[in-house]
Amino acid sequence: MDEEGNPKSHPKVLCYFKGTHAGPDGLAVDSHGRIYATLPARGEIWRVNPKNGSMILIAKGMPGIASIAFGRGKFDHNTIYAASTKRGGGKIWKINVGVRGAALYK
C-alpha cells in the first residue's frame, strides 16, 4: 500500500483451476513460498508454486475440505490440518506434506 492506503499494483492471477467444481477455498503457505489450496467440491488439496506456475495434486478423497493450516506449537510443523464442511458431519484431516509452514508474524 502507498502512503494513502492504495494498492501499489494491480491484482494478477497466479493459477487457474480448470474444470467443474474447481473453486478454491482455504489457503496456506509453506516455508518455500508455495501455496496450498483446497477445492471443497472435489475434495482435493493442490500445491501451487507461484515462481514457476506448477500445480501438483497432493491429496484427494476429502469431500468438503475447506480450511487448512500448518501445525504450530505441539502439532507437527510438516503437516497440514484441514477441516471438512461436508453436510451431515465434518472431519479434521491430517496431511503430512514434508515441509514446514511459512513463519507467522506476531
PDB file of N, CA and C in Angstrom:
ATOM      1  N   MET A   1       0.839  -1.173   0.000  1.00  0.00           N
ATOM      2  CA  MET A   1       0.000   0.000   0.000  1.00  0.00           C
ATOM      3  C   MET A   1       0.889   1.242   0.000  1.00  0.00           C
ATOM      4  N   ASP A   2       0.397   2.263  -0.656  1.00  0.00           N
ATOM      5  CA  ASP A   2       1.136   3.519  -0.630  1.00  0.00           C
ATOM      6  C   ASP A   2       0.738   4.319   0.615  1.00  0.00           C
ATOM      7  N   GLU A   3       1.242   5.494   0.730  1.00  0.00           N
ATOM      8  CA  GLU A   3       1.005   6.327   1.910  1.00  0.00           C
ATOM      9  C   GLU A   3      -0.466   6.688   2.101  1.00  0.00           C
ATOM     10  N   GLU A   4      -1.254   6.654   1.019  1.00  0.00           N
ATOM     11  CA  GLU A   4      -2.681   6.980   1.099  1.00  0.00           C
ATOM     12  C   GLU A   4      -3.561   5.738   1.248  1.00  0.00           C
ATOM     13  N   GLY A   5      -2.927   4.555   1.386  1.00  0.00           N
ATOM     14  CA  GLY A   5      -3.670   3.314   1.558  1.00  0.00           C
ATOM     15  C   GLY A   5      -4.124   2.652   0.272  1.00  0.00           C
ATOM     16  N   ASN A   6      -3.598   3.087  -0.864  1.00  0.00           N
ATOM     17  CA  ASN A   6      -3.959   2.498  -2.150  1.00  0.00           C
ATOM     18  C   ASN A   6      -2.989   1.367  -2.504  1.00  0.00           C
ATOM     19  N   PRO A   7      -3.469   0.340  -3.200  1.00  0.00           N
ATOM     20  CA  PRO A   7      -2.575  -0.741  -3.617  1.00  0.00           C
ATOM     21  C   PRO A   7      -1.462  -0.211  -4.525  1.00  0.00           C
ATOM     22  N   LYS A   8      -0.263  -0.823  -4.407  1.00  0.00           N
ATOM     23  CA  LYS A   8       0.867  -0.402  -5.236  1.00  0.00           C
ATOM     24  C   LYS A   8       0.840  -1.049  -6.618  1.00  0.00           C
ATOM     25  N   SER A   9       0.065  -2.102  -6.774  1.00  0.00           N
ATOM     26  CA  SER A   9      -0.019  -2.771  -8.071  1.00  0.00           C
ATOM     27  C   SER A   9      -1.418  -3.352  -8.253  1.00  0.00           C
ATOM     28  N   HIS A  10      -1.688  -3.820  -9.453  1.00  0.00           N
ATOM     29  CA  HIS A  10      -2.977  -4.437  -9.765  1.00  0.00           C
ATOM     30  C   HIS A  10      -2.899  -5.931  -9.445  1.00  0.00           C
ATOM     31  N   PRO A  11      -4.016  -6.545  -9.037  1.00  0.00           N
ATOM     32  CA  PRO A  11      -4.012  -7.988  -8.773  1.00  0.00           C
ATOM     33  C   PRO A  11      -3.711  -8.763 -10.047  1.00  0.00           C
ATOM     34  N   LYS A  12      -3.077  -9.932  -9.895  1.00  0.00           N
ATOM     35  CA  LYS A  12      -2.839 -10.804 -11.047  1.00  0.00           C
ATOM     36  C   LYS A  12      -3.159 -12.235 -10.667  1.00  0.00           C
ATOM     37  N   VAL A  13      -3.539 -13.017 -11.627  1.00  0.00           N
ATOM     38  CA  VAL A  13      -3.890 -14.411 -11.406  1.00  0.00           C
ATOM     39  C   VAL A  13      -2.603 -15.233 -11.319  1.00  0.00           C
ATOM     40  N   LEU A  14      -2.453 -16.007 -10.237  1.00  0.00           N
ATOM     41  CA  LEU A  14      -1.289 -16.882 -10.080  1.00  0.00           C
ATOM     42  C   LEU A  14      -1.520 -18.241 -10.725  1.00  0.00           C
ATOM     43  N   CYS A  15      -2.769 -18.718 -10.658  1.00  0.00           N
ATOM     44  CA  CYS A  15      -3.093 -20.003 -11.259  1.00  0.00           C
ATOM     45  C   CYS A  15      -4.593 -20.051 -11.515  1.00  0.00           C
ATOM     46  N   TYR A  16      -4.989 -21.034 -12.283  1.00  0.00           N
ATOM     47  CA  TYR A  16      -6.395 -21.207 -12.614  1.00  0.00           C
ATOM     48  C   TYR A  16      -6.716 -22.694 -12.520  1.00  0.00           C
ATOM     49  N   PHE A  17      -7.692 -23.053 -11.702  1.00  0.00           N
ATOM     50  CA  PHE A  17      -8.114 -24.445 -11.576  1.00  0.00           C
ATOM     51  C   PHE A  17      -9.207 -24.701 -12.609  1.00  0.00           C
ATOM     52  N   LYS A  18      -8.935 -25.596 -13.549  1.00  0.00           N
ATOM     53  CA  LYS A  18      -9.851 -25.864 -14.653  1.00  0.00           C
ATOM     54  C   LYS A  18     -10.845 -26.959 -14.304  1.00  0.00           C
ATOM     55  N   GLY A  19     -11.962 -26.943 -15.004  1.00  0.00           N
ATOM     56  CA  GLY A  19     -12.951 -27.995 -14.875  1.00  0.00           C
ATOM     57  C   GLY A  19     -14.092 -27.621 -13.951  1.00  0.00           C
ATOM     58  N   THR A  20     -14.984 -28.578 -13.780  1.00  0.00           N
ATOM     59  CA  THR A  20     -16.149 -28.340 -12.930  1.00  0.00           C
ATOM     60  C   THR A  20     -15.772 -28.430 -11.461  1.00  0.00           C
ATOM     61  N   HIS A  21     -16.485 -27.705 -10.649  1.00  0.00           N
ATOM     62  CA  HIS A  21     -16.288 -27.711  -9.197  1.00  0.00           C
ATOM     63  C   HIS A  21     -14.846 -27.371  -8.816  1.00  0.00           C
ATOM     64  N   ALA A  22     -14.283 -26.384  -9.476  1.00  0.00           N
ATOM     65  CA  ALA A  22     -12.867 -26.056  -9.291  1.00  0.00           C
ATOM     66  C   ALA A  22     -12.637 -24.798  -8.465  1.00  0.00           C
ATOM     67  N   GLY A  23     -13.625 -24.371  -7.684  1.00  0.00           N
ATOM     68  CA  GLY A  23     -13.450 -23.159  -6.885  1.00  0.00           C
ATOM     69  C   GLY A  23     -12.630 -23.407  -5.636  1.00  0.00           C
ATOM     70  N   PRO A  24     -11.462 -22.752  -5.503  1.00  0.00           N
ATOM     71  CA  PRO A  24     -10.643 -22.931  -4.304  1.00  0.00           C
ATOM     72  C   PRO A  24     -11.249 -22.241  -3.092  1.00  0.00           C
ATOM     73  N   ASP A  25     -10.837 -22.687  -1.910  1.00  0.00           N
ATOM     74  CA  ASP A  25     -11.354 -22.126  -0.660  1.00  0.00           C
ATOM     75  C   ASP A  25     -10.190 -21.796   0.261  1.00  0.00           C
ATOM     76  N   GLY A  26      -9.786 -22.733   1.132  1.00  0.00           N
ATOM     77  CA  GLY A  26      -8.727 -22.474   2.107  1.00  0.00           C
ATOM     78  C   GLY A  26      -7.352 -22.379   1.471  1.00  0.00           C
ATOM     79  N   LEU A  27      -6.504 -21.550   2.069  1.00  0.00           N
ATOM     80  CA  LEU A  27      -5.133 -21.369   1.589  1.00  0.00           C
ATOM     81  C   LEU A  27      -4.153 -21.445   2.748  1.00  0.00           C
ATOM     82  N   ALA A  28      -2.963 -21.994   2.479  1.00  0.00           N
ATOM     83  CA  ALA A  28      -1.855 -21.996   3.432  1.00  0.00           C
ATOM     84  C   ALA A  28      -0.574 -21.860   2.611  1.00  0.00           C
ATOM     85  N   VAL A  29       0.500 -21.375   3.236  1.00  0.00           N
ATOM     86  CA  VAL A  29       1.775 -21.163   2.549  1.00  0.00           C
ATOM     87  C   VAL A  29       2.877 -21.895   3.307  1.00  0.00           C
ATOM     88  N   ASP A  30       3.757 -22.593   2.559  1.00  0.00           N
ATOM     89  CA  ASP A  30       4.865 -23.293   3.213  1.00  0.00           C
ATOM     90  C   ASP A  30       6.120 -22.426   3.260  1.00  0.00           C
ATOM     91  N   SER A  31       7.166 -22.951   3.885  1.00  0.00           N
ATOM     92  CA  SER A  31       8.398 -22.187   4.088  1.00  0.00           C
ATOM     93  C   SER A  31       9.151 -21.908   2.792  1.00  0.00           C
ATOM     94  N   HIS A  32       8.762 -22.555   1.689  1.00  0.00           N
ATOM     95  CA  HIS A  32       9.366 -22.298   0.372  1.00  0.00           C
ATOM     96  C   HIS A  32       8.544 -21.301  -0.442  1.00  0.00           C
ATOM     97  N   GLY A  33       7.455 -20.798   0.146  1.00  0.00           N
ATOM     98  CA  GLY A  33       6.605 -19.831  -0.542  1.00  0.00           C
ATOM     99  C   GLY A  33       5.567 -20.444  -1.452  1.00  0.00           C
ATOM    100  N   ARG A  34       5.394 -21.757  -1.387  1.00  0.00           N
ATOM    101  CA  ARG A  34       4.372 -22.418  -2.205  1.00  0.00           C
ATOM    102  C   ARG A  34       3.027 -22.331  -1.503  1.00  0.00           C
ATOM    103  N   ILE A  35       1.979 -22.257  -2.298  1.00  0.00           N
ATOM    104  CA  ILE A  35       0.622 -22.072  -1.790  1.00  0.00           C
ATOM    105  C   ILE A  35      -0.138 -23.393  -1.879  1.00  0.00           C
ATOM    106  N   TYR A  36      -0.865 -23.727  -0.809  1.00  0.00           N
ATOM    107  CA  TYR A  36      -1.714 -24.912  -0.781  1.00  0.00           C
ATOM    108  C   TYR A  36      -3.163 -24.422  -0.810  1.00  0.00           C
ATOM    109  N   ALA A  37      -3.950 -24.973  -1.721  1.00  0.00           N
ATOM    110  CA  ALA A  37      -5.337 -24.533  -1.894  1.00  0.00           C
ATOM    111  C   ALA A  37      -6.264 -25.736  -1.846  1.00  0.00           C
ATOM    112  N   THR A  38      -7.386 -25.572  -1.144  1.00  0.00           N
ATOM    113  CA  THR A  38      -8.397 -26.635  -1.109  1.00  0.00           C
ATOM    114  C   THR A  38      -9.426 -26.398  -2.200  1.00  0.00           C
ATOM    115  N   LEU A  39      -9.926 -27.481  -2.767  1.00  0.00           N
ATOM    116  CA  LEU A  39     -11.060 -27.457  -3.680  1.00  0.00           C
ATOM    117  C   LEU A  39     -12.150 -28.313  -3.036  1.00  0.00           C
ATOM    118  N   PRO A  40     -13.039 -27.696  -2.235  1.00  0.00           N
ATOM    119  CA  PRO A  40     -14.008 -28.455  -1.425  1.00  0.00           C
ATOM    120  C   PRO A  40     -14.912 -29.386  -2.222  1.00  0.00           C
ATOM    121  N   ALA A  41     -15.428 -28.926  -3.343  1.00  0.00           N
ATOM    122  CA  ALA A  41     -16.376 -29.746  -4.104  1.00  0.00           C
ATOM    123  C   ALA A  41     -15.703 -30.979  -4.707  1.00  0.00           C
ATOM    124  N   ARG A  42     -14.398 -30.913  -4.917  1.00  0.00           N
ATOM    125  CA  ARG A  42     -13.653 -32.061  -5.447  1.00  0.00           C
ATOM    126  C   ARG A  42     -12.985 -32.874  -4.333  1.00  0.00           C
ATOM    127  N   GLY A  43     -12.880 -32.304  -3.138  1.00  0.00           N
ATOM    128  CA  GLY A  43     -12.214 -32.993  -2.038  1.00  0.00           C
ATOM    129  C   GLY A  43     -10.716 -33.088  -2.225  1.00  0.00           C
ATOM    130  N   GLU A  44     -10.108 -32.025  -2.771  1.00  0.00           N
ATOM    131  CA  GLU A  44      -8.684 -32.048  -3.110  1.00  0.00           C
ATOM    132  C   GLU A  44      -7.911 -30.901  -2.456  1.00  0.00           C
ATOM    133  N   ILE A  45      -6.590 -31.129  -2.293  1.00  0.00           N
ATOM    134  CA  ILE A  45      -5.654 -30.071  -1.929  1.00  0.00           C
ATOM    135  C   ILE A  45      -4.569 -30.041  -3.000  1.00  0.00           C
ATOM    136  N   TRP A  46      -4.316 -28.850  -3.519  1.00  0.00           N
ATOM    137  CA  TRP A  46      -3.307 -28.637  -4.553  1.00  0.00           C
ATOM    138  C   TRP A  46      -2.188 -27.757  -4.019  1.00  0.00           C
ATOM    139  N   ARG A  47      -0.956 -28.006  -4.500  1.00  0.00           N
ATOM    140  CA  ARG A  47       0.175 -27.140  -4.181  1.00  0.00           C
ATOM    141  C   ARG A  47       0.528 -26.362  -5.442  1.00  0.00           C
ATOM    142  N   VAL A  48       0.627 -25.035  -5.287  1.00  0.00           N
ATOM    143  CA  VAL A  48       0.924 -24.141  -6.406  1.00  0.00           C
ATOM    144  C   VAL A  48       2.241 -23.436  -6.116  1.00  0.00           C
ATOM    145  N   ASN A  49       3.152 -23.468  -7.089  1.00  0.00           N
ATOM    146  CA  ASN A  49       4.413 -22.748  -6.960  1.00  0.00           C
ATOM    147  C   ASN A  49       4.287 -21.443  -7.746  1.00  0.00           C
ATOM    148  N   PRO A  50       4.172 -20.293  -7.048  1.00  0.00           N
ATOM    149  CA  PRO A  50       3.986 -19.026  -7.765  1.00  0.00           C
ATOM    150  C   PRO A  50       5.200 -18.593  -8.579  1.00  0.00           C
ATOM    151  N   LYS A  51       6.370 -19.205  -8.316  1.00  0.00           N
ATOM    152  CA  LYS A  51       7.584 -18.840  -9.068  1.00  0.00           C
ATOM    153  C   LYS A  51       7.567 -19.386 -10.483  1.00  0.00           C
ATOM    154  N   ASN A  52       7.016 -20.620 -10.660  1.00  0.00           N
ATOM    155  CA  ASN A  52       7.026 -21.217 -11.996  1.00  0.00           C
ATOM    156  C   ASN A  52       5.641 -21.654 -12.482  1.00  0.00           C
ATOM    157  N   GLY A  53       4.618 -21.474 -11.645  1.00  0.00           N
ATOM    158  CA  GLY A  53       3.255 -21.804 -12.056  1.00  0.00           C
ATOM    159  C   GLY A  53       2.886 -23.272 -11.969  1.00  0.00           C
ATOM    160  N   SER A  54       3.793 -24.124 -11.474  1.00  0.00           N
ATOM    161  CA  SER A  54       3.472 -25.554 -11.408  1.00  0.00           C
ATOM    162  C   SER A  54       2.373 -25.806 -10.379  1.00  0.00           C
ATOM    163  N   MET A  55       1.536 -26.790 -10.673  1.00  0.00           N
ATOM    164  CA  MET A  55       0.420 -27.169  -9.809  1.00  0.00           C
ATOM    165  C   MET A  55       0.455 -28.678  -9.613  1.00  0.00           C
ATOM    166  N   ILE A  56       0.457 -29.120  -8.347  1.00  0.00           N
ATOM    167  CA  ILE A  56       0.541 -30.543  -8.042  1.00  0.00           C
ATOM    168  C   ILE A  56      -0.581 -30.921  -7.079  1.00  0.00           C
ATOM    169  N   LEU A  57      -1.327 -31.964  -7.429  1.00  0.00           N
ATOM    170  CA  LEU A  57      -2.353 -32.505  -6.543  1.00  0.00           C
ATOM    171  C   LEU A  57      -1.644 -33.273  -5.435  1.00  0.00           C
ATOM    172  N   ILE A  58      -1.843 -32.866  -4.166  1.00  0.00           N
ATOM    173  CA  ILE A  58      -1.143 -33.539  -3.079  1.00  0.00           C
ATOM    174  C   ILE A  58      -2.053 -34.417  -2.220  1.00  0.00           C
ATOM    175  N   ALA A  59      -3.369 -34.212  -2.299  1.00  0.00           N
ATOM    176  CA  ALA A  59      -4.292 -35.048  -1.519  1.00  0.00           C
ATOM    177  C   ALA A  59      -5.672 -35.003  -2.168  1.00  0.00           C
ATOM    178  N   LYS A  60      -6.394 -36.128  -2.076  1.00  0.00           N
ATOM    179  CA  LYS A  60      -7.755 -36.193  -2.620  1.00  0.00           C
ATOM    180  C   LYS A  60      -8.593 -37.127  -1.765  1.00  0.00           C
ATOM    181  N   GLY A  61      -9.889 -37.193  -2.064  1.00  0.00           N
ATOM    182  CA  GLY A  61     -10.786 -38.076  -1.330  1.00  0.00           C
ATOM    183  C   GLY A  61     -11.252 -37.500   0.001  1.00  0.00           C
ATOM    184  N   MET A  62     -11.298 -36.154   0.090  1.00  0.00           N
ATOM    185  CA  MET A  62     -11.718 -35.485   1.323  1.00  0.00           C
ATOM    186  C   MET A  62     -12.879 -34.550   1.010  1.00  0.00           C
ATOM    187  N   PRO A  63     -14.105 -35.074   0.837  1.00  0.00           N
ATOM    188  CA  PRO A  63     -15.246 -34.237   0.462  1.00  0.00           C
ATOM    189  C   PRO A  63     -15.449 -33.060   1.415  1.00  0.00           C
ATOM    190  N   GLY A  64     -15.641 -31.886   0.854  1.00  0.00           N
ATOM    191  CA  GLY A  64     -15.913 -30.692   1.645  1.00  0.00           C
ATOM    192  C   GLY A  64     -14.694 -30.060   2.286  1.00  0.00           C
ATOM    193  N   ILE A  65     -13.495 -30.494   1.922  1.00  0.00           N
ATOM    194  CA  ILE A  65     -12.264 -29.957   2.528  1.00  0.00           C
ATOM    195  C   ILE A  65     -12.225 -28.446   2.317  1.00  0.00           C
ATOM    196  N   ALA A  66     -11.978 -27.693   3.375  1.00  0.00           N
ATOM    197  CA  ALA A  66     -12.067 -26.232   3.270  1.00  0.00           C
ATOM    198  C   ALA A  66     -10.879 -25.559   3.952  1.00  0.00           C
ATOM    199  N   SER A  67     -11.001 -25.236   5.224  1.00  0.00           N
ATOM    200  CA  SER A  67      -9.951 -24.507   5.939  1.00  0.00           C
ATOM    201  C   SER A  67      -8.727 -25.394   6.169  1.00  0.00           C
ATOM    202  N   ILE A  68      -7.527 -24.803   5.970  1.00  0.00           N
ATOM    203  CA  ILE A  68      -6.291 -25.535   6.212  1.00  0.00           C
ATOM    204  C   ILE A  68      -5.289 -24.643   6.928  1.00  0.00           C
ATOM    205  N   ALA A  69      -4.405 -25.294   7.697  1.00  0.00           N
ATOM    206  CA  ALA A  69      -3.338 -24.578   8.395  1.00  0.00           C
ATOM    207  C   ALA A  69      -2.214 -25.550   8.702  1.00  0.00           C
ATOM    208  N   PHE A  70      -0.986 -25.054   8.676  1.00  0.00           N
ATOM    209  CA  PHE A  70       0.154 -25.857   9.093  1.00  0.00           C
ATOM    210  C   PHE A  70       0.165 -25.968  10.610  1.00  0.00           C
ATOM    211  N   GLY A  71       0.682 -27.090  11.114  1.00  0.00           N
ATOM    212  CA  GLY A  71       0.793 -27.288  12.541  1.00  0.00           C
ATOM    213  C   GLY A  71       1.743 -26.286  13.179  1.00  0.00           C
ATOM    214  N   ARG A  72       1.428 -25.887  14.382  1.00  0.00           N
ATOM    215  CA  ARG A  72       2.239 -24.973  15.192  1.00  0.00           C
ATOM    216  C   ARG A  72       2.294 -25.526  16.608  1.00  0.00           C
ATOM    217  N   GLY A  73       3.203 -25.000  17.408  1.00  0.00           N
ATOM    218  CA  GLY A  73       3.293 -25.430  18.799  1.00  0.00           C
ATOM    219  C   GLY A  73       3.556 -26.918  18.901  1.00  0.00           C
ATOM    220  N   LYS A  74       2.682 -27.643  19.606  1.00  0.00           N
ATOM    221  CA  LYS A  74       2.853 -29.083  19.810  1.00  0.00           C
ATOM    222  C   LYS A  74       2.398 -29.920  18.617  1.00  0.00           C
ATOM    223  N   PHE A  75       1.801 -29.281  17.611  1.00  0.00           N
ATOM    224  CA  PHE A  75       1.347 -30.004  16.420  1.00  0.00           C
ATOM    225  C   PHE A  75       2.484 -30.101  15.409  1.00  0.00           C
ATOM    226  N   ASP A  76       2.481 -31.182  14.608  1.00  0.00           N
ATOM    227  CA  ASP A  76       3.531 -31.435  13.621  1.00  0.00           C
ATOM    228  C   ASP A  76       3.639 -30.270  12.639  1.00  0.00           C
ATOM    229  N   HIS A  77       4.791 -29.655  12.569  1.00  0.00           N
ATOM    230  CA  HIS A  77       5.008 -28.473  11.726  1.00  0.00           C
ATOM    231  C   HIS A  77       5.110 -28.815  10.239  1.00  0.00           C
ATOM    232  N   ASN A  78       5.283 -30.088   9.898  1.00  0.00           N
ATOM    233  CA  ASN A  78       5.339 -30.528   8.495  1.00  0.00           C
ATOM    234  C   ASN A  78       4.002 -31.076   8.022  1.00  0.00           C
ATOM    235  N   THR A  79       2.968 -30.773   8.757  1.00  0.00           N
ATOM    236  CA  THR A  79       1.640 -31.319   8.481  1.00  0.00           C
ATOM    237  C   THR A  79       0.624 -30.201   8.307  1.00  0.00           C
ATOM    238  N   ILE A  80      -0.259 -30.397   7.330  1.00  0.00           N
ATOM    239  CA  ILE A  80      -1.412 -29.512   7.157  1.00  0.00           C
ATOM    240  C   ILE A  80      -2.592 -30.169   7.861  1.00  0.00           C
ATOM    241  N   TYR A  81      -3.278 -29.390   8.675  1.00  0.00           N
ATOM    242  CA  TYR A  81      -4.512 -29.830   9.319  1.00  0.00           C
ATOM    243  C   TYR A  81      -5.651 -29.147   8.575  1.00  0.00           C
ATOM    244  N   ALA A  82      -6.656 -29.931   8.193  1.00  0.00           N
ATOM    245  CA  ALA A  82      -7.718 -29.420   7.333  1.00  0.00           C
ATOM    246  C   ALA A  82      -9.083 -29.784   7.885  1.00  0.00           C
ATOM    247  N   ALA A  83     -10.022 -28.867   7.723  1.00  0.00           N
ATOM    248  CA  ALA A  83     -11.394 -29.086   8.193  1.00  0.00           C
ATOM    249  C   ALA A  83     -12.316 -29.338   7.007  1.00  0.00           C
ATOM    250  N   SER A  84     -13.156 -30.359   7.152  1.00  0.00           N
ATOM    251  CA  SER A  84     -14.167 -30.683   6.154  1.00  0.00           C
ATOM    252  C   SER A  84     -15.493 -30.090   6.592  1.00  0.00           C
ATOM    253  N   THR A  85     -16.203 -29.495   5.648  1.00  0.00           N
ATOM    254  CA  THR A  85     -17.510 -28.912   5.940  1.00  0.00           C
ATOM    255  C   THR A  85     -18.635 -29.744   5.332  1.00  0.00           C
ATOM    256  N   LYS A  86     -18.372 -31.010   5.093  1.00  0.00           N
ATOM    257  CA  LYS A  86     -19.345 -31.894   4.458  1.00  0.00           C
ATOM    258  C   LYS A  86     -20.633 -31.935   5.260  1.00  0.00           C
ATOM    259  N   ARG A  87     -21.740 -31.729   4.575  1.00  0.00           N
ATOM    260  CA  ARG A  87     -23.054 -31.783   5.223  1.00  0.00           C
ATOM    261  C   ARG A  87     -23.260 -33.163   5.853  1.00  0.00           C
ATOM    262  N   GLY A  88     -23.811 -33.170   7.056  1.00  0.00           N
ATOM    263  CA  GLY A  88     -24.065 -34.428   7.738  1.00  0.00           C
ATOM    264  C   GLY A  88     -22.945 -34.831   8.683  1.00  0.00           C
ATOM    265  N   GLY A  89     -21.892 -34.044   8.760  1.00  0.00           N
ATOM    266  CA  GLY A  89     -20.797 -34.350   9.686  1.00  0.00           C
ATOM    267  C   GLY A  89     -19.456 -34.003   9.084  1.00  0.00           C
ATOM    268  N   GLY A  90     -18.751 -33.118   9.741  1.00  0.00           N
ATOM    269  CA  GLY A  90     -17.434 -32.710   9.262  1.00  0.00           C
ATOM    270  C   GLY A  90     -16.328 -33.557   9.861  1.00  0.00           C
ATOM    271  N   LYS A  91     -15.129 -33.397   9.321  1.00  0.00           N
ATOM    272  CA  LYS A  91     -13.962 -34.137   9.785  1.00  0.00           C
ATOM    273  C   LYS A  91     -12.771 -33.191   9.853  1.00  0.00           C
ATOM    274  N   ILE A  92     -11.782 -33.578  10.648  1.00  0.00           N
ATOM    275  CA  ILE A  92     -10.487 -32.914  10.645  1.00  0.00           C
ATOM    276  C   ILE A  92      -9.507 -33.895  10.011  1.00  0.00           C
ATOM    277  N   TRP A  93      -8.795 -33.433   8.987  1.00  0.00           N
ATOM    278  CA  TRP A  93      -7.844 -34.260   8.263  1.00  0.00           C
ATOM    279  C   TRP A  93      -6.424 -33.840   8.625  1.00  0.00           C
ATOM    280  N   LYS A  94      -5.501 -34.788   8.571  1.00  0.00           N
ATOM    281  CA  LYS A  94      -4.088 -34.551   8.846  1.00  0.00           C
ATOM    282  C   LYS A  94      -3.301 -35.046   7.643  1.00  0.00           C
ATOM    283  N   ILE A  95      -2.567 -34.118   6.966  1.00  0.00           N
ATOM    284  CA  ILE A  95      -1.835 -34.458   5.752  1.00  0.00           C
ATOM    285  C   ILE A  95      -0.390 -34.022   5.913  1.00  0.00           C
ATOM    286  N   ASN A  96       0.535 -34.982   6.029  1.00  0.00           N
ATOM    287  CA  ASN A  96       1.949 -34.641   6.136  1.00  0.00           C
ATOM    288  C   ASN A  96       2.464 -34.296   4.747  1.00  0.00           C
ATOM    289  N   VAL A  97       3.000 -33.084   4.586  1.00  0.00           N
ATOM    290  CA  VAL A  97       3.490 -32.626   3.286  1.00  0.00           C
ATOM    291  C   VAL A  97       5.011 -32.533   3.250  1.00  0.00           C
ATOM    292  N   GLY A  98       5.685 -32.855   4.364  1.00  0.00           N
ATOM    293  CA  GLY A  98       7.140 -32.925   4.374  1.00  0.00           C
ATOM    294  C   GLY A  98       7.866 -31.592   4.374  1.00  0.00           C
ATOM    295  N   VAL A  99       7.157 -30.516   4.646  1.00  0.00           N
ATOM    296  CA  VAL A  99       7.776 -29.190   4.692  1.00  0.00           C
ATOM    297  C   VAL A  99       7.021 -28.351   5.718  1.00  0.00           C
ATOM    298  N   ARG A 100       7.748 -27.453   6.360  1.00  0.00           N
ATOM    299  CA  ARG A 100       7.140 -26.597   7.398  1.00  0.00           C
ATOM    300  C   ARG A 100       6.305 -25.480   6.764  1.00  0.00           C
ATOM    301  N   GLY A 101       5.368 -24.998   7.530  1.00  0.00           N
ATOM    302  CA  GLY A 101       4.597 -23.826   7.113  1.00  0.00           C
ATOM    303  C   GLY A 101       5.454 -22.584   7.176  1.00  0.00           C
ATOM    304  N   ALA A 102       5.058 -21.562   6.459  1.00  0.00           N
ATOM    305  CA  ALA A 102       5.764 -20.275   6.485  1.00  0.00           C
ATOM    306  C   ALA A 102       5.682 -19.683   7.882  1.00  0.00           C
ATOM    307  N   ALA A 103       6.684 -18.898   8.238  1.00  0.00           N
ATOM    308  CA  ALA A 103       6.683 -18.215   9.537  1.00  0.00           C
ATOM    309  C   ALA A 103       5.504 -17.264   9.630  1.00  0.00           C
ATOM    310  N   LEU A 104       4.874 -17.232  10.797  1.00  0.00           N
ATOM    311  CA  LEU A 104       3.771 -16.327  11.023  1.00  0.00           C
ATOM    312  C   LEU A 104       4.291 -15.103  11.760  1.00  0.00           C
ATOM    313  N   TYR A 105       3.715 -13.961  11.465  1.00  0.00           N
ATOM    314  CA  TYR A 105       4.102 -12.719  12.123  1.00  0.00           C
ATOM    315  C   TYR A 105       3.350 -12.578  13.428  1.00  0.00           C
ATOM    316  N   LYS A 106       4.010 -12.016  14.418  1.00  0.00           N
ATOM    317  CA  LYS A 106       3.368 -11.811  15.728  1.00  0.00           C
ATOM    318  C   LYS A 106       3.057 -10.356  15.921  1.00  0.00           C
TER     319      LYS A 106
END
